[in-house]
Amino acid sequence: MRRLQGKTAIVTGGSVGIGRACATRFAEAGAGVMIADVLDEEGRALVAELEAAGLSACYQRCNVAVESDVAAMVKATLARFGNLNVLVNNAGIAGTNKPTHEVTEEEWDRVQAVNVKGVFLCTKHAIPALREAGGGSIINLSSIYGLVGGADVPPYHASKGAVRLMTKTDAMLYAADRIRVNSIHPGYIWTPMVENHLKTMGGDVDSLRREVGALHPLGHMGEVDDIAWGALYLASDESKFVTGSELVIDGGYTAR
């Protein structure tokens, strides 16, 4: 079933990991997909792969922390596809893994610029197009660490808490425009970002993957498609009565 037939979606950070999975599943469901990222080689390779499968996608280099980049990316989306119905604010970085008192101002600001300011800027520039389309769906990638605390990566956790509340605010602000805004809260998902985070912990990465996976009641880390299927639901008309909600996909991590 072509669950997104006729819709256009932007996926930020769409070249790898969760973003790549979202872009792929959206395109397979019939959407035209703008993949926005700073990983040019990976993004263009994904577009080539999707087009070879007869699907509709394009790539635009976009640093979500730079407003001119974001504005140009939204403009390019409209020029290519003619409308905008879905925004997935997925672009994010983990940042430094230090206790709070050792984090520098620059390290803190870098994470907030991508993870928080990026969501703000993409939402800001998508709203007029979503209004023009008569409504739509904004999907913000938060984290289990937007819901509970953890004794590591303080800038990242702070940023994901901010995204959770930004989601609820915008859900209220734009409900009258039929623009739904929801957040997804993944547990540990095996992505390049999580792999790099484990490397900062020292030790054997495969062993750490098993240990961290065991923190989830289901006993393992998630896969990128576990998140992409949730995003597809929120992007589709199946979720037309869902806004301001938190979709937790975490293998039971926060059920304690």
C-alpha atoms as a PDB file:
ATOM      1  CA  MET A   1       0.000   0.000   0.000  1.00  0.00           C
ATOM      2  CA  ARG A   2       1.340   3.420  -1.013  1.00  0.00           C
ATOM      3  CA  ARG A   3       0.684   5.067   2.335  1.00  0.00           C
ATOM      4  CA  LEU A   4       2.307   8.386   1.373  1.00  0.00           C
ATOM      5  CA  GLN A   5       1.206   8.573  -2.244  1.00  0.00           C
ATOM      6  CA  GLY A   6       1.164  12.199  -3.435  1.00  0.00           C
ATOM      7  CA  LYS A   7       2.987  13.521  -0.396  1.00  0.00           C
ATOM      8  CA  THR A   8       6.357  15.258  -0.212  1.00  0.00           C
ATOM      9  CA  ALA A   9       8.672  14.760   2.744  1.00  0.00           C
ATOM     10  CA  ILE A  10      11.872  16.365   3.933  1.00  0.00           C
ATOM     11  CA  VAL A  11      14.183  14.154   5.991  1.00  0.00           C
ATOM     12  CA  THR A  12      17.090  15.974   7.613  1.00  0.00           C
ATOM     13  CA  GLY A  13      20.165  13.926   8.363  1.00  0.00           C
ATOM     14  CA  GLY A  14      18.760  11.634   5.706  1.00  0.00           C
ATOM     15  CA  SER A  15      21.978  10.192   4.320  1.00  0.00           C
ATOM     16  CA  VAL A  16      22.722   7.561   6.974  1.00  0.00           C
ATOM     17  CA  GLY A  17      21.250   5.775   9.961  1.00  0.00           C
ATOM     18  CA  ILE A  18      17.683   6.481  11.024  1.00  0.00           C
ATOM     19  CA  GLY A  19      17.330   9.261   8.451  1.00  0.00           C
ATOM     20  CA  ARG A  20      18.332   6.961   5.613  1.00  0.00           C
ATOM     21  CA  ALA A  21      15.806   4.365   6.761  1.00  0.00           C
ATOM     22  CA  CYS A  22      13.048   6.994   6.978  1.00  0.00           C
ATOM     23  CA  ALA A  23      13.848   8.356   3.524  1.00  0.00           C
ATOM     24  CA  THR A  24      13.833   4.860   2.052  1.00  0.00           C
ATOM     25  CA  ARG A  25      10.560   3.750   3.637  1.00  0.00           C
ATOM     26  CA  PHE A  26       8.863   7.057   2.746  1.00  0.00           C
ATOM     27  CA  ALA A  27       9.933   6.787  -0.887  1.00  0.00           C
ATOM     28  CA  GLU A  28       8.752   3.181  -1.040  1.00  0.00           C
ATOM     29  CA  ALA A  29       5.398   4.368   0.349  1.00  0.00           C
ATOM     30  CA  GLY A  30       5.001   6.773  -2.566  1.00  0.00           C
ATOM     31  CA  ALA A  31       6.410  10.049  -1.229  1.00  0.00           C
ATOM     32  CA  GLY A  32       8.752  12.378  -3.030  1.00  0.00           C
ATOM     33  CA  VAL A  33      11.658  12.707  -0.590  1.00  0.00           C
ATOM     34  CA  MET A  34      14.137  15.531  -0.084  1.00  0.00           C
ATOM     35  CA  ILE A  35      17.207  14.158   1.656  1.00  0.00           C
ATOM     36  CA  ALA A  36      18.947  17.013   3.478  1.00  0.00           C
ATOM     37  CA  ASP A  37      22.365  16.427   4.992  1.00  0.00           C
ATOM     38  CA  VAL A  38      26.009  17.472   5.032  1.00  0.00           C
ATOM     39  CA  LEU A  39      27.157  13.974   4.022  1.00  0.00           C
ATOM     40  CA  ASP A  40      27.097  14.629   0.298  1.00  0.00           C
ATOM     41  CA  GLU A  41      28.556  11.364  -0.994  1.00  0.00           C
ATOM     42  CA  GLU A  42      26.235   9.200   1.098  1.00  0.00           C
ATOM     43  CA  GLY A  43      23.194  11.352   0.295  1.00  0.00           C
ATOM     44  CA  ARG A  44      23.739  11.316  -3.444  1.00  0.00           C
ATOM     45  CA  ALA A  45      24.405   7.576  -3.380  1.00  0.00           C
ATOM     46  CA  LEU A  46      21.084   7.020  -1.613  1.00  0.00           C
ATOM     47  CA  VAL A  47      19.234   9.135  -4.186  1.00  0.00           C
ATOM     48  CA  ALA A  48      20.823   7.114  -6.986  1.00  0.00           C
ATOM     49  CA  GLU A  49      19.753   3.896  -5.265  1.00  0.00           C
ATOM     50  CA  LEU A  50      16.175   5.074  -4.806  1.00  0.00           C
ATOM     51  CA  GLU A  51      15.884   6.402  -8.355  1.00  0.00           C
ATOM     52  CA  ALA A  52      17.226   3.116  -9.710  1.00  0.00           C
ATOM     53  CA  ALA A  53      14.314   1.458  -7.924  1.00  0.00           C
ATOM     54  CA  GLY A  54      11.883   3.822  -9.650  1.00  0.00           C
ATOM     55  CA  LEU A  55      11.332   5.970  -6.559  1.00  0.00           C
ATOM     56  CA  SER A  56      11.320   9.762  -6.239  1.00  0.00           C
ATOM     57  CA  ALA A  57      14.084  11.481  -4.257  1.00  0.00           C
ATOM     58  CA  CYS A  58      16.598  14.283  -4.425  1.00  0.00           C
ATOM     59  CA  TYR A  59      19.480  15.540  -2.295  1.00  0.00           C
ATOM     60  CA  GLN A  60      20.318  18.999  -0.997  1.00  0.00           C
ATOM     61  CA  ARG A  61      23.331  19.858   1.120  1.00  0.00           C
ATOM     62  CA  CYS A  62      21.997  21.534   4.254  1.00  0.00           C
ATOM     63  CA  ASN A  63      23.554  22.408   7.589  1.00  0.00           C
ATOM     64  CA  VAL A  64      20.415  22.641   9.713  1.00  0.00           C
ATOM     65  CA  ALA A  65      22.138  25.062  12.084  1.00  0.00           C
ATOM     66  CA  VAL A  66      22.465  27.653   9.289  1.00  0.00           C
ATOM     67  CA  GLU A  67      19.237  29.469   8.439  1.00  0.00           C
ATOM     68  CA  SER A  68      20.193  30.302   4.861  1.00  0.00           C
ATOM     69  CA  ASP A  69      20.884  26.600   4.205  1.00  0.00           C
ATOM     70  CA  VAL A  70      17.510  25.626   5.635  1.00  0.00           C
ATOM     71  CA  ALA A  71      15.620  28.265   3.656  1.00  0.00           C
ATOM     72  CA  ALA A  72      17.351  27.185   0.442  1.00  0.00           C
ATOM     73  CA  MET A  73      16.589  23.525   1.142  1.00  0.00           C
ATOM     74  CA  VAL A  74      12.867  24.149   1.655  1.00  0.00           C
ATOM     75  CA  LYS A  75      12.782  26.297  -1.490  1.00  0.00           C
ATOM     76  CA  ALA A  76      14.494  23.537  -3.461  1.00  0.00           C
ATOM     77  CA  THR A  77      11.981  21.003  -2.157  1.00  0.00           C
ATOM     78  CA  LEU A  78       9.062  23.092  -3.379  1.00  0.00           C
ATOM     79  CA  ALA A  79      10.748  23.708  -6.705  1.00  0.00           C
ATOM     80  CA  ARG A  80      11.298  19.980  -7.249  1.00  0.00           C
ATOM     81  CA  PHE A  81       8.060  18.506  -5.882  1.00  0.00           C
ATOM     82  CA  GLY A  82       5.607  21.422  -5.785  1.00  0.00           C
ATOM     83  CA  ASN A  83       4.434  20.964  -2.218  1.00  0.00           C
ATOM     84  CA  LEU A  84       5.470  19.901   1.288  1.00  0.00           C
ATOM     85  CA  ASN A  85       3.489  17.623   3.579  1.00  0.00           C
ATOM     86  CA  VAL A  86       5.960  16.037   5.997  1.00  0.00           C
ATOM     87  CA  LEU A  87       9.075  17.216   7.825  1.00  0.00           C
ATOM     88  CA  VAL A  88      11.268  14.772   9.716  1.00  0.00           C
ATOM     89  CA  ASN A  89      13.658  16.654  11.985  1.00  0.00           C
ATOM     90  CA  ASN A  90      16.180  13.854  12.322  1.00  0.00           C
ATOM     91  CA  ALA A  91      19.572  15.566  11.948  1.00  0.00           C
ATOM     92  CA  GLY A  92      21.495  15.358  15.187  1.00  0.00           C
ATOM     93  CA  ILE A  93      24.870  14.805  16.789  1.00  0.00           C
ATOM     94  CA  ALA A  94      25.870  13.165  20.069  1.00  0.00           C
ATOM     95  CA  GLY A  95      28.601  15.626  20.967  1.00  0.00           C
ATOM     96  CA  THR A  96      31.214  15.166  23.628  1.00  0.00           C
ATOM     97  CA  ASN A  97      30.944  12.518  26.338  1.00  0.00           C
ATOM     98  CA  LYS A  98      32.172  14.370  29.422  1.00  0.00           C
ATOM     99  CA  PRO A  99      30.669  15.267  32.799  1.00  0.00           C
ATOM    100  CA  THR A 100      28.966  18.670  32.824  1.00  0.00           C
ATOM    101  CA  HIS A 101      31.782  20.488  34.631  1.00  0.00           C
ATOM    102  CA  GLU A 102      34.272  19.468  31.933  1.00  0.00           C
ATOM    103  CA  VAL A 103      32.156  20.438  28.897  1.00  0.00           C
ATOM    104  CA  THR A 104      33.377  23.586  27.149  1.00  0.00           C
ATOM    105  CA  GLU A 105      31.035  26.331  25.997  1.00  0.00           C
ATOM    106  CA  GLU A 106      31.924  25.539  22.393  1.00  0.00           C
ATOM    107  CA  GLU A 107      31.133  21.842  22.843  1.00  0.00           C
ATOM    108  CA  TRP A 108      27.797  22.671  24.464  1.00  0.00           C
ATOM    109  CA  ASP A 109      26.815  25.208  21.797  1.00  0.00           C
ATOM    110  CA  ARG A 110      27.678  22.879  18.917  1.00  0.00           C
ATOM    111  CA  VAL A 111      25.200  20.238  20.074  1.00  0.00           C
ATOM    112  CA  GLN A 112      22.450  22.759  20.775  1.00  0.00           C
ATOM    113  CA  ALA A 113      23.007  24.379  17.365  1.00  0.00           C
ATOM    114  CA  VAL A 114      22.350  21.154  15.473  1.00  0.00           C
ATOM    115  CA  ASN A 115      19.911  19.328  17.743  1.00  0.00           C
ATOM    116  CA  VAL A 116      17.779  22.248  18.958  1.00  0.00           C
ATOM    117  CA  LYS A 117      18.342  25.234  16.686  1.00  0.00           C
ATOM    118  CA  GLY A 118      18.180  22.903  13.695  1.00  0.00           C
ATOM    119  CA  VAL A 119      14.714  21.691  14.687  1.00  0.00           C
ATOM    120  CA  PHE A 120      13.623  25.299  15.228  1.00  0.00           C
ATOM    121  CA  LEU A 121      14.915  26.509  11.850  1.00  0.00           C
ATOM    122  CA  CYS A 122      13.526  23.618   9.830  1.00  0.00           C
ATOM    123  CA  THR A 123      10.140  23.935  11.516  1.00  0.00           C
ATOM    124  CA  LYS A 124      10.136  27.706  11.016  1.00  0.00           C
ATOM    125  CA  HIS A 125      10.760  27.434   7.288  1.00  0.00           C
ATOM    126  CA  ALA A 126       8.489  24.432   6.737  1.00  0.00           C
ATOM    127  CA  ILE A 127       5.394  25.941   8.386  1.00  0.00           C
ATOM    128  CA  PRO A 128       4.394  28.269   5.503  1.00  0.00           C
ATOM    129  CA  ALA A 129       4.589  25.412   3.000  1.00  0.00           C
ATOM    130  CA  LEU A 130       2.673  23.050   5.288  1.00  0.00           C
ATOM    131  CA  ARG A 131      -0.007  25.698   5.745  1.00  0.00           C
ATOM    132  CA  GLU A 132      -0.195  26.141   1.984  1.00  0.00           C
ATOM    133  CA  ALA A 133      -0.712  22.403   1.642  1.00  0.00           C
ATOM    134  CA  GLY A 134      -3.624  22.526   4.089  1.00  0.00           C
ATOM    135  CA  GLY A 135      -1.776  20.771   6.880  1.00  0.00           C
ATOM    136  CA  GLY A 136       0.821  18.106   7.390  1.00  0.00           C
ATOM    137  CA  SER A 137       3.031  16.290   9.834  1.00  0.00           C
ATOM    138  CA  ILE A 138       6.223  17.303  11.622  1.00  0.00           C
ATOM    139  CA  ILE A 139       8.143  14.454  13.242  1.00  0.00           C
ATOM    140  CA  ASN A 140      10.884  15.386  15.689  1.00  0.00           C
ATOM    141  CA  LEU A 141      13.485  12.832  16.681  1.00  0.00           C
ATOM    142  CA  SER A 142      14.059  13.124  20.403  1.00  0.00           C
ATOM    143  CA  SER A 143      15.389  10.213  22.477  1.00  0.00           C
ATOM    144  CA  ILE A 144      14.794   8.113  25.553  1.00  0.00           C
ATOM    145  CA  TYR A 145      17.047  10.770  27.055  1.00  0.00           C
ATOM    146  CA  GLY A 146      14.381  13.342  26.374  1.00  0.00           C
ATOM    147  CA  LEU A 147      12.321  11.362  28.895  1.00  0.00           C
ATOM    148  CA  VAL A 148      14.792  10.043  31.490  1.00  0.00           C
ATOM    149  CA  GLY A 149      18.262  10.996  32.659  1.00  0.00           C
ATOM    150  CA  GLY A 150      21.576   9.299  32.096  1.00  0.00           C
ATOM    151  CA  ALA A 151      25.049   9.852  33.497  1.00  0.00           C
ATOM    152  CA  ASP A 152      26.720  10.713  30.203  1.00  0.00           C
ATOM    153  CA  VAL A 153      26.681  13.169  27.245  1.00  0.00           C
ATOM    154  CA  PRO A 154      24.957  16.092  29.085  1.00  0.00           C
ATOM    155  CA  PRO A 155      24.668  18.396  26.039  1.00  0.00           C
ATOM    156  CA  TYR A 156      22.894  15.671  24.066  1.00  0.00           C
ATOM    157  CA  HIS A 157      20.428  14.867  26.828  1.00  0.00           C
ATOM    158  CA  ALA A 158      19.615  18.545  27.327  1.00  0.00           C
ATOM    159  CA  SER A 159      19.019  18.973  23.610  1.00  0.00           C
ATOM    160  CA  LYS A 160      16.643  16.027  23.406  1.00  0.00           C
ATOM    161  CA  GLY A 161      14.652  17.277  26.383  1.00  0.00           C
ATOM    162  CA  ALA A 162      14.297  20.578  24.577  1.00  0.00           C
ATOM    163  CA  VAL A 163      13.054  18.837  21.430  1.00  0.00           C
ATOM    164  CA  ARG A 164      10.382  17.025  23.439  1.00  0.00           C
ATOM    165  CA  LEU A 165       8.907  20.290  24.772  1.00  0.00           C
ATOM    166  CA  MET A 166       9.332  22.135  21.465  1.00  0.00           C
ATOM    167  CA  THR A 167       7.206  19.389  19.942  1.00  0.00           C
ATOM    168  CA  LYS A 168       4.362  19.916  22.392  1.00  0.00           C
ATOM    169  CA  THR A 169       4.473  23.695  22.007  1.00  0.00           C
ATOM    170  CA  ASP A 170       4.318  23.529  18.221  1.00  0.00           C
ATOM    171  CA  ALA A 171       1.571  20.895  18.356  1.00  0.00           C
ATOM    172  CA  MET A 172      -0.539  23.421  20.244  1.00  0.00           C
ATOM    173  CA  LEU A 173       0.472  26.393  18.108  1.00  0.00           C
ATOM    174  CA  TYR A 174      -0.297  24.817  14.742  1.00  0.00           C
ATOM    175  CA  ALA A 175      -3.208  22.465  15.482  1.00  0.00           C
ATOM    176  CA  ALA A 176      -5.632  24.963  13.958  1.00  0.00           C
ATOM    177  CA  ASP A 177      -3.608  24.744  10.740  1.00  0.00           C
ATOM    178  CA  ARG A 178      -4.011  20.954  10.749  1.00  0.00           C
ATOM    179  CA  ILE A 179      -0.261  20.603  11.210  1.00  0.00           C
ATOM    180  CA  ARG A 180       0.457  17.728  13.548  1.00  0.00           C
ATOM    181  CA  VAL A 181       3.705  17.693  15.533  1.00  0.00           C
ATOM    182  CA  ASN A 182       4.925  14.582  17.335  1.00  0.00           C
ATOM    183  CA  SER A 183       8.192  13.279  18.753  1.00  0.00           C
ATOM    184  CA  ILE A 184       9.807   9.865  18.487  1.00  0.00           C
ATOM    185  CA  HIS A 185      11.931   8.633  21.378  1.00  0.00           C
ATOM    186  CA  PRO A 186      14.263   5.837  20.274  1.00  0.00           C
ATOM    187  CA  GLY A 187      16.197   3.639  22.627  1.00  0.00           C
ATOM    188  CA  TYR A 188      19.675   2.621  21.547  1.00  0.00           C
ATOM    189  CA  ILE A 189      19.510   1.997  17.803  1.00  0.00           C
ATOM    190  CA  TRP A 190      22.519   0.571  15.971  1.00  0.00           C
ATOM    191  CA  THR A 191      23.597   3.575  13.902  1.00  0.00           C
ATOM    192  CA  PRO A 192      26.942   5.218  13.117  1.00  0.00           C
ATOM    193  CA  MET A 193      26.235   7.745  15.916  1.00  0.00           C
ATOM    194  CA  VAL A 194      25.691   5.035  18.522  1.00  0.00           C
ATOM    195  CA  GLU A 195      28.715   3.103  17.299  1.00  0.00           C
ATOM    196  CA  ASN A 196      30.893   6.215  17.628  1.00  0.00           C
ATOM    197  CA  HIS A 197      29.446   6.883  21.099  1.00  0.00           C
ATOM    198  CA  LEU A 198      30.404   3.382  22.225  1.00  0.00           C
ATOM    199  CA  LYS A 199      33.923   3.909  20.911  1.00  0.00           C
ATOM    200  CA  THR A 200      34.310   6.867  23.285  1.00  0.00           C
ATOM    201  CA  MET A 201      33.634   4.515  26.199  1.00  0.00           C
ATOM    202  CA  GLY A 202      36.746   2.440  25.508  1.00  0.00           C
ATOM    203  CA  GLY A 203      36.854  -1.340  25.283  1.00  0.00           C
ATOM    204  CA  ASP A 204      35.589  -3.754  22.669  1.00  0.00           C
ATOM    205  CA  VAL A 205      32.715  -2.240  20.670  1.00  0.00           C
ATOM    206  CA  ASP A 206      30.991  -5.588  20.055  1.00  0.00           C
ATOM    207  CA  SER A 207      30.994  -6.350  23.767  1.00  0.00           C
ATOM    208  CA  LEU A 208      29.714  -2.877  24.578  1.00  0.00           C
ATOM    209  CA  ARG A 209      26.973  -3.285  21.976  1.00  0.00           C
ATOM    210  CA  ARG A 210      25.786  -6.434  23.742  1.00  0.00           C
ATOM    211  CA  GLU A 211      26.036  -4.820  27.187  1.00  0.00           C
ATOM    212  CA  VAL A 212      24.081  -1.727  26.171  1.00  0.00           C
ATOM    213  CA  GLY A 213      21.575  -3.856  24.294  1.00  0.00           C
ATOM    214  CA  ALA A 214      20.985  -5.846  27.473  1.00  0.00           C
ATOM    215  CA  LEU A 215      19.810  -2.650  29.211  1.00  0.00           C
ATOM    216  CA  HIS A 216      16.614  -2.950  27.159  1.00  0.00           C
ATOM    217  CA  PRO A 217      14.079  -5.474  28.502  1.00  0.00           C
ATOM    218  CA  LEU A 218      13.838  -7.004  25.017  1.00  0.00           C
ATOM    219  CA  GLY A 219      17.554  -7.737  25.344  1.00  0.00           C
ATOM    220  CA  HIS A 220      19.053  -6.035  22.317  1.00  0.00           C
ATOM    221  CA  MET A 221      19.503  -2.730  20.508  1.00  0.00           C
ATOM    222  CA  GLY A 222      16.966  -1.656  17.933  1.00  0.00           C
ATOM    223  CA  GLU A 223      17.400  -1.374  14.190  1.00  0.00           C
ATOM    224  CA  VAL A 224      16.908   1.744  12.092  1.00  0.00           C
ATOM    225  CA  ASP A 225      13.733   0.377  10.534  1.00  0.00           C
ATOM    226  CA  ASP A 226      12.176   0.067  13.990  1.00  0.00           C
ATOM    227  CA  ILE A 227      12.165   3.864  14.014  1.00  0.00           C
ATOM    228  CA  ALA A 228      11.401   4.358  10.328  1.00  0.00           C
ATOM    229  CA  TRP A 229       8.147   2.389  10.547  1.00  0.00           C
ATOM    230  CA  GLY A 230       7.050   4.579  13.446  1.00  0.00           C
ATOM    231  CA  ALA A 231       7.909   7.697  11.473  1.00  0.00           C
ATOM    232  CA  LEU A 232       5.958   6.355   8.490  1.00  0.00           C
ATOM    233  CA  TYR A 233       2.876   5.971  10.687  1.00  0.00           C
ATOM    234  CA  LEU A 234       3.189   9.553  11.944  1.00  0.00           C
ATOM    235  CA  ALA A 235       3.725  10.823   8.400  1.00  0.00           C
ATOM    236  CA  SER A 236       0.651   9.054   7.060  1.00  0.00           C
ATOM    237  CA  ASP A 237      -3.026   9.917   7.366  1.00  0.00           C
ATOM    238  CA  GLU A 238      -3.381   6.900   9.657  1.00  0.00           C
ATOM    239  CA  SER A 239      -2.205   9.178  12.480  1.00  0.00           C
ATOM    240  CA  LYS A 240      -4.547  12.067  11.624  1.00  0.00           C
ATOM    241  CA  PHE A 241      -5.751  12.336  15.262  1.00  0.00           C
ATOM    242  CA  VAL A 242      -2.256  12.175  16.780  1.00  0.00           C
ATOM    243  CA  THR A 243      -0.458  15.371  17.768  1.00  0.00           C
ATOM    244  CA  GLY A 244       1.699  16.455  20.695  1.00  0.00           C
ATOM    245  CA  SER A 245       2.423  12.799  21.390  1.00  0.00           C
ATOM    246  CA  GLU A 246       5.565  10.872  22.262  1.00  0.00           C
ATOM    247  CA  LEU A 247       6.107   7.677  20.316  1.00  0.00           C
ATOM    248  CA  VAL A 248       8.544   5.690  22.446  1.00  0.00           C
ATOM    249  CA  ILE A 249      10.368   2.951  20.516  1.00  0.00           C
ATOM    250  CA  ASP A 250      12.896   1.720  23.021  1.00  0.00           C
ATOM    251  CA  GLY A 251      12.646  -2.012  23.624  1.00  0.00           C
ATOM    252  CA  GLY A 252      11.154  -1.272  27.031  1.00  0.00           C
ATOM    253  CA  TYR A 253      14.084   0.865  28.247  1.00  0.00           C
ATOM    254  CA  THR A 254      11.897   3.542  29.879  1.00  0.00           C
ATOM    255  CA  ALA A 255       9.263   1.096  31.190  1.00  0.00           C
ATOM    256  CA  ARG A 256      11.145   0.699  34.483  1.00  0.00           C
END
